[in-house]
Amino acid sequence: MATPETGAHLTIRNARSEDAPAIREILNDAVEDGLATFETELRSLEDQRQRILAAEKDPRHPILVAELRNWICGLIAIEPHDERNALEDIGEVVVFVRRSFRSYGIGRQLMRVAMTEAARLGYRKLLGRVLADNRESLHLCQAVGWRVVGCHQQHARHKNRLRDVVVVECLLEPGRENA
């Protein structure tokens, strides 16, 4: 396996239905960890299959997976931020990396590919919302050129407590590689 300095050589591609079990496992680990998602309920396999199917039908909102030797080790999705006309060219990004693959540069590679793909799709900006105590995700965002916009205090109700949420953004130049 590669070191954090060299990064892993990955294949990053669109998610397929057969990726649903691996994606579900990664997301459910994040739910259990309580740092990387606002979700508190474990995701069912059928729900994950439906989300992949929806992404396949909507190319503006892809789910991309990082694959290393036929093993799904991370994912990133570009989700709608706001469907109103003036805001349709802003996407929201969620990124998850399998526990055993963290700190190897996979998140950075996923973020860079998503930024390039979003620019190709005509987005002008990507946003993210990160739980304030998730230092690893905040570091990841800053490492790939995102900036902290601000903090919503006591914003997300998560496991019977209110948590602060940091808003991050990345301005894109549509049609250009942004990584």
C-alpha atoms as a PDB file:
ATOM      1  CA  MET A   1       0.000   0.000   0.000  1.00  0.00           C
ATOM      2  CA  ALA A   2       1.147   3.524  -0.624  1.00  0.00           C
ATOM      3  CA  THR A   3       2.255   5.899   2.107  1.00  0.00           C
ATOM      4  CA  PRO A   4       0.469   9.130   3.020  1.00  0.00           C
ATOM      5  CA  GLU A   5       3.166  11.037   1.137  1.00  0.00           C
ATOM      6  CA  THR A   6       2.817   9.216  -2.172  1.00  0.00           C
ATOM      7  CA  GLY A   7      -0.924   8.529  -2.113  1.00  0.00           C
ATOM      8  CA  ALA A   8      -2.608   5.424  -3.405  1.00  0.00           C
ATOM      9  CA  HIS A   9      -2.994   4.682  -7.096  1.00  0.00           C
ATOM     10  CA  LEU A  10      -6.747   4.499  -7.392  1.00  0.00           C
ATOM     11  CA  THR A  11      -9.397   4.047  -9.981  1.00  0.00           C
ATOM     12  CA  ILE A  12     -12.103   6.629  -9.394  1.00  0.00           C
ATOM     13  CA  ARG A  13     -15.299   5.890 -11.282  1.00  0.00           C
ATOM     14  CA  ASN A  14     -19.065   6.203 -11.129  1.00  0.00           C
ATOM     15  CA  ALA A  15     -20.724   3.936  -8.589  1.00  0.00           C
ATOM     16  CA  ARG A  16     -22.528   0.865  -9.908  1.00  0.00           C
ATOM     17  CA  SER A  17     -25.290  -1.187  -8.318  1.00  0.00           C
ATOM     18  CA  GLU A  18     -22.834  -3.918  -7.341  1.00  0.00           C
ATOM     19  CA  ASP A  19     -20.970  -1.321  -5.223  1.00  0.00           C
ATOM     20  CA  ALA A  20     -23.976  -0.894  -2.910  1.00  0.00           C
ATOM     21  CA  PRO A  21     -22.803  -3.310  -0.168  1.00  0.00           C
ATOM     22  CA  ALA A  22     -19.356  -1.688   0.079  1.00  0.00           C
ATOM     23  CA  ILE A  23     -20.749   1.861   0.001  1.00  0.00           C
ATOM     24  CA  ARG A  24     -23.320   0.953   2.637  1.00  0.00           C
ATOM     25  CA  GLU A  25     -20.578  -0.480   4.867  1.00  0.00           C
ATOM     26  CA  ILE A  26     -18.452   2.668   4.562  1.00  0.00           C
ATOM     27  CA  LEU A  27     -21.416   4.952   5.276  1.00  0.00           C
ATOM     28  CA  ASN A  28     -22.630   2.863   8.196  1.00  0.00           C
ATOM     29  CA  ASP A  29     -19.132   2.979   9.704  1.00  0.00           C
ATOM     30  CA  ALA A  30     -19.351   6.777   9.458  1.00  0.00           C
ATOM     31  CA  VAL A  31     -22.738   6.756  11.197  1.00  0.00           C
ATOM     32  CA  GLU A  32     -21.289   4.614  13.977  1.00  0.00           C
ATOM     33  CA  ASP A  33     -18.210   6.864  14.302  1.00  0.00           C
ATOM     34  CA  GLY A  34     -20.469   9.901  14.743  1.00  0.00           C
ATOM     35  CA  LEU A  35     -18.003  12.390  13.234  1.00  0.00           C
ATOM     36  CA  ALA A  36     -18.473  12.331   9.469  1.00  0.00           C
ATOM     37  CA  THR A  37     -22.221  12.478   8.898  1.00  0.00           C
ATOM     38  CA  PHE A  38     -25.357  14.016  10.329  1.00  0.00           C
ATOM     39  CA  GLU A  39     -27.148  10.715   9.791  1.00  0.00           C
ATOM     40  CA  THR A  40     -27.868   8.670  12.903  1.00  0.00           C
ATOM     41  CA  GLU A  41     -29.617   5.648  11.384  1.00  0.00           C
ATOM     42  CA  LEU A  42     -27.764   2.869   9.598  1.00  0.00           C
ATOM     43  CA  ARG A  43     -28.485   2.731   5.873  1.00  0.00           C
ATOM     44  CA  SER A  44     -30.178  -0.327   4.386  1.00  0.00           C
ATOM     45  CA  LEU A  45     -28.808  -2.091   1.348  1.00  0.00           C
ATOM     46  CA  GLU A  46     -31.992  -1.325  -0.596  1.00  0.00           C
ATOM     47  CA  ASP A  47     -31.755   2.385   0.253  1.00  0.00           C
ATOM     48  CA  GLN A  48     -28.159   2.438  -0.980  1.00  0.00           C
ATOM     49  CA  ARG A  49     -29.115   0.691  -4.210  1.00  0.00           C
ATOM     50  CA  GLN A  50     -31.854   3.278  -4.781  1.00  0.00           C
ATOM     51  CA  ARG A  51     -29.396   6.145  -4.241  1.00  0.00           C
ATOM     52  CA  ILE A  52     -26.978   4.660  -6.770  1.00  0.00           C
ATOM     53  CA  LEU A  53     -29.823   4.183  -9.252  1.00  0.00           C
ATOM     54  CA  ALA A  54     -30.883   7.819  -8.778  1.00  0.00           C
ATOM     55  CA  ALA A  55     -27.293   8.978  -9.389  1.00  0.00           C
ATOM     56  CA  GLU A  56     -27.101   6.865 -12.558  1.00  0.00           C
ATOM     57  CA  LYS A  57     -30.243   8.618 -13.842  1.00  0.00           C
ATOM     58  CA  ASP A  58     -29.021  12.098 -12.866  1.00  0.00           C
ATOM     59  CA  PRO A  59     -25.494  12.708 -14.232  1.00  0.00           C
ATOM     60  CA  ARG A  60     -25.333  16.147 -12.543  1.00  0.00           C
ATOM     61  CA  HIS A  61     -25.348  14.442  -9.153  1.00  0.00           C
ATOM     62  CA  PRO A  62     -22.896  11.549  -9.408  1.00  0.00           C
ATOM     63  CA  ILE A  63     -21.671   9.156  -6.765  1.00  0.00           C
ATOM     64  CA  LEU A  64     -18.024   8.333  -7.420  1.00  0.00           C
ATOM     65  CA  VAL A  65     -16.097   5.524  -5.778  1.00  0.00           C
ATOM     66  CA  ALA A  66     -12.382   5.034  -5.184  1.00  0.00           C
ATOM     67  CA  GLU A  67     -11.361   1.496  -6.007  1.00  0.00           C
ATOM     68  CA  LEU A  68      -8.031  -0.122  -5.193  1.00  0.00           C
ATOM     69  CA  ARG A  69      -7.470  -3.702  -6.372  1.00  0.00           C
ATOM     70  CA  ASN A  70     -11.240  -4.304  -6.714  1.00  0.00           C
ATOM     71  CA  TRP A  71     -11.843  -2.975  -3.204  1.00  0.00           C
ATOM     72  CA  ILE A  72     -14.075   0.086  -2.690  1.00  0.00           C
ATOM     73  CA  CYS A  73     -12.172   2.231  -0.220  1.00  0.00           C
ATOM     74  CA  GLY A  74     -14.018   5.539  -0.440  1.00  0.00           C
ATOM     75  CA  LEU A  75     -16.743   7.531  -2.115  1.00  0.00           C
ATOM     76  CA  ILE A  76     -17.735  11.070  -2.890  1.00  0.00           C
ATOM     77  CA  ALA A  77     -21.056  12.444  -4.093  1.00  0.00           C
ATOM     78  CA  ILE A  78     -22.067  15.751  -5.604  1.00  0.00           C
ATOM     79  CA  GLU A  79     -25.538  16.422  -4.269  1.00  0.00           C
ATOM     80  CA  PRO A  80     -27.970  19.260  -4.958  1.00  0.00           C
ATOM     81  CA  HIS A  81     -27.458  22.245  -2.697  1.00  0.00           C
ATOM     82  CA  ASP A  82     -30.535  24.234  -3.622  1.00  0.00           C
ATOM     83  CA  GLU A  83     -32.764  23.635  -6.634  1.00  0.00           C
ATOM     84  CA  ARG A  84     -33.770  27.287  -7.062  1.00  0.00           C
ATOM     85  CA  ASN A  85     -32.804  28.777 -10.427  1.00  0.00           C
ATOM     86  CA  ALA A  86     -30.104  31.131  -9.209  1.00  0.00           C
ATOM     87  CA  LEU A  87     -28.433  28.407  -7.125  1.00  0.00           C
ATOM     88  CA  GLU A  88     -28.622  25.362  -9.400  1.00  0.00           C
ATOM     89  CA  ASP A  89     -24.915  25.639 -10.272  1.00  0.00           C
ATOM     90  CA  ILE A  90     -23.866  25.059  -6.650  1.00  0.00           C
ATOM     91  CA  GLY A  91     -23.342  21.490  -5.485  1.00  0.00           C
ATOM     92  CA  GLU A  92     -22.866  20.020  -2.053  1.00  0.00           C
ATOM     93  CA  VAL A  93     -20.177  17.404  -1.546  1.00  0.00           C
ATOM     94  CA  VAL A  94     -20.090  14.477   0.859  1.00  0.00           C
ATOM     95  CA  VAL A  95     -16.994  12.291   1.110  1.00  0.00           C
ATOM     96  CA  PHE A  96     -16.330   9.113   3.070  1.00  0.00           C
ATOM     97  CA  VAL A  97     -13.238   6.911   3.278  1.00  0.00           C
ATOM     98  CA  ARG A  98     -13.159   3.378   4.673  1.00  0.00           C
ATOM     99  CA  ARG A  99     -11.620   3.387   8.174  1.00  0.00           C
ATOM    100  CA  SER A 100      -8.627   1.231   7.203  1.00  0.00           C
ATOM    101  CA  PHE A 101      -7.784   3.500   4.240  1.00  0.00           C
ATOM    102  CA  ARG A 102      -7.779   6.863   6.002  1.00  0.00           C
ATOM    103  CA  SER A 103      -4.567   8.943   5.977  1.00  0.00           C
ATOM    104  CA  TYR A 104      -3.408   7.534   2.615  1.00  0.00           C
ATOM    105  CA  GLY A 105      -4.521  10.434   0.417  1.00  0.00           C
ATOM    106  CA  ILE A 106      -7.711   8.792  -0.831  1.00  0.00           C
ATOM    107  CA  GLY A 107      -9.919  11.620   0.409  1.00  0.00           C
ATOM    108  CA  ARG A 108      -7.709  14.178  -1.332  1.00  0.00           C
ATOM    109  CA  GLN A 109      -7.858  12.257  -4.602  1.00  0.00           C
ATOM    110  CA  LEU A 110     -11.633  11.913  -4.359  1.00  0.00           C
ATOM    111  CA  MET A 111     -12.012  15.629  -3.636  1.00  0.00           C
ATOM    112  CA  ARG A 112      -9.820  16.615  -6.584  1.00  0.00           C
ATOM    113  CA  VAL A 113     -11.700  14.347  -8.985  1.00  0.00           C
ATOM    114  CA  ALA A 114     -15.039  15.673  -7.724  1.00  0.00           C
ATOM    115  CA  MET A 115     -13.864  19.261  -8.203  1.00  0.00           C
ATOM    116  CA  THR A 116     -12.783  18.502 -11.775  1.00  0.00           C
ATOM    117  CA  GLU A 117     -16.015  16.638 -12.511  1.00  0.00           C
ATOM    118  CA  ALA A 118     -18.134  19.423 -10.996  1.00  0.00           C
ATOM    119  CA  ALA A 119     -16.375  22.024 -13.150  1.00  0.00           C
ATOM    120  CA  ARG A 120     -16.947  19.846 -16.219  1.00  0.00           C
ATOM    121  CA  LEU A 121     -20.636  19.617 -15.304  1.00  0.00           C
ATOM    122  CA  GLY A 122     -20.903  23.426 -15.118  1.00  0.00           C
ATOM    123  CA  TYR A 123     -20.914  23.972 -11.367  1.00  0.00           C
ATOM    124  CA  ARG A 124     -19.449  27.262 -10.212  1.00  0.00           C
ATOM    125  CA  LYS A 125     -19.120  26.362  -6.551  1.00  0.00           C
ATOM    126  CA  LEU A 126     -19.068  23.371  -4.239  1.00  0.00           C
ATOM    127  CA  LEU A 127     -20.083  23.502  -0.587  1.00  0.00           C
ATOM    128  CA  GLY A 128     -19.585  21.181   2.318  1.00  0.00           C
ATOM    129  CA  ARG A 129     -20.883  21.013   5.854  1.00  0.00           C
ATOM    130  CA  VAL A 130     -18.543  19.448   8.390  1.00  0.00           C
ATOM    131  CA  LEU A 131     -19.186  18.705  12.041  1.00  0.00           C
ATOM    132  CA  ALA A 132     -16.873  21.143  13.845  1.00  0.00           C
ATOM    133  CA  ASP A 133     -15.144  18.436  15.872  1.00  0.00           C
ATOM    134  CA  ASN A 134     -14.216  16.490  12.714  1.00  0.00           C
ATOM    135  CA  ARG A 135     -10.686  17.876  12.420  1.00  0.00           C
ATOM    136  CA  GLU A 136      -9.636  15.295   9.799  1.00  0.00           C
ATOM    137  CA  SER A 137     -12.356  16.394   7.366  1.00  0.00           C
ATOM    138  CA  LEU A 138     -11.631  20.077   7.939  1.00  0.00           C
ATOM    139  CA  HIS A 139      -7.943  19.419   7.262  1.00  0.00           C
ATOM    140  CA  LEU A 140      -8.861  17.482   4.098  1.00  0.00           C
ATOM    141  CA  CYS A 141     -10.953  20.365   2.778  1.00  0.00           C
ATOM    142  CA  GLN A 142      -8.210  22.895   3.394  1.00  0.00           C
ATOM    143  CA  ALA A 143      -5.549  20.585   1.911  1.00  0.00           C
ATOM    144  CA  VAL A 144      -7.349  20.631  -1.460  1.00  0.00           C
ATOM    145  CA  GLY A 145      -7.923  24.384  -1.499  1.00  0.00           C
ATOM    146  CA  TRP A 146     -11.338  24.775   0.090  1.00  0.00           C
ATOM    147  CA  ARG A 147     -11.878  27.626   2.501  1.00  0.00           C
ATOM    148  CA  VAL A 148     -13.831  27.856   5.730  1.00  0.00           C
ATOM    149  CA  VAL A 149     -16.782  30.201   5.296  1.00  0.00           C
ATOM    150  CA  GLY A 150     -18.067  30.139   8.849  1.00  0.00           C
ATOM    151  CA  CYS A 151     -19.593  28.119  11.619  1.00  0.00           C
ATOM    152  CA  HIS A 152     -23.243  27.459  12.398  1.00  0.00           C
ATOM    153  CA  GLN A 153     -23.372  27.101  16.160  1.00  0.00           C
ATOM    154  CA  GLN A 154     -25.614  24.441  17.673  1.00  0.00           C
ATOM    155  CA  HIS A 155     -26.829  23.617  14.170  1.00  0.00           C
ATOM    156  CA  ALA A 156     -27.119  19.851  13.795  1.00  0.00           C
ATOM    157  CA  ARG A 157     -29.173  17.762  16.178  1.00  0.00           C
ATOM    158  CA  HIS A 158     -27.134  14.616  16.476  1.00  0.00           C
ATOM    159  CA  LYS A 159     -27.623  11.872  19.058  1.00  0.00           C
ATOM    160  CA  ASN A 160     -29.533  14.090  21.502  1.00  0.00           C
ATOM    161  CA  ARG A 161     -27.170  17.045  21.375  1.00  0.00           C
ATOM    162  CA  LEU A 162     -26.698  20.111  19.223  1.00  0.00           C
ATOM    163  CA  ARG A 163     -23.414  20.268  17.346  1.00  0.00           C
ATOM    164  CA  ASP A 164     -21.611  23.058  15.560  1.00  0.00           C
ATOM    165  CA  VAL A 165     -21.239  22.776  11.784  1.00  0.00           C
ATOM    166  CA  VAL A 166     -18.442  24.386   9.779  1.00  0.00           C
ATOM    167  CA  VAL A 167     -19.342  25.483   6.248  1.00  0.00           C
ATOM    168  CA  VAL A 168     -16.613  25.132   3.624  1.00  0.00           C
ATOM    169  CA  GLU A 169     -16.600  26.089  -0.049  1.00  0.00           C
ATOM    170  CA  CYS A 170     -14.582  25.855  -3.217  1.00  0.00           C
ATOM    171  CA  LEU A 171     -15.016  28.193  -6.176  1.00  0.00           C
ATOM    172  CA  LEU A 172     -14.658  26.435  -9.513  1.00  0.00           C
ATOM    173  CA  GLU A 173     -13.890  27.566 -12.995  1.00  0.00           C
ATOM    174  CA  PRO A 174     -16.337  25.615 -15.185  1.00  0.00           C
ATOM    175  CA  GLY A 175     -14.654  23.739 -17.989  1.00  0.00           C
ATOM    176  CA  ARG A 176     -11.216  23.879 -16.321  1.00  0.00           C
ATOM    177  CA  GLU A 177      -9.373  21.420 -14.160  1.00  0.00           C
ATOM    178  CA  ASN A 178      -9.508  22.786 -10.624  1.00  0.00           C
ATOM    179  CA  ALA A 179      -7.340  20.309  -8.748  1.00  0.00           C
END
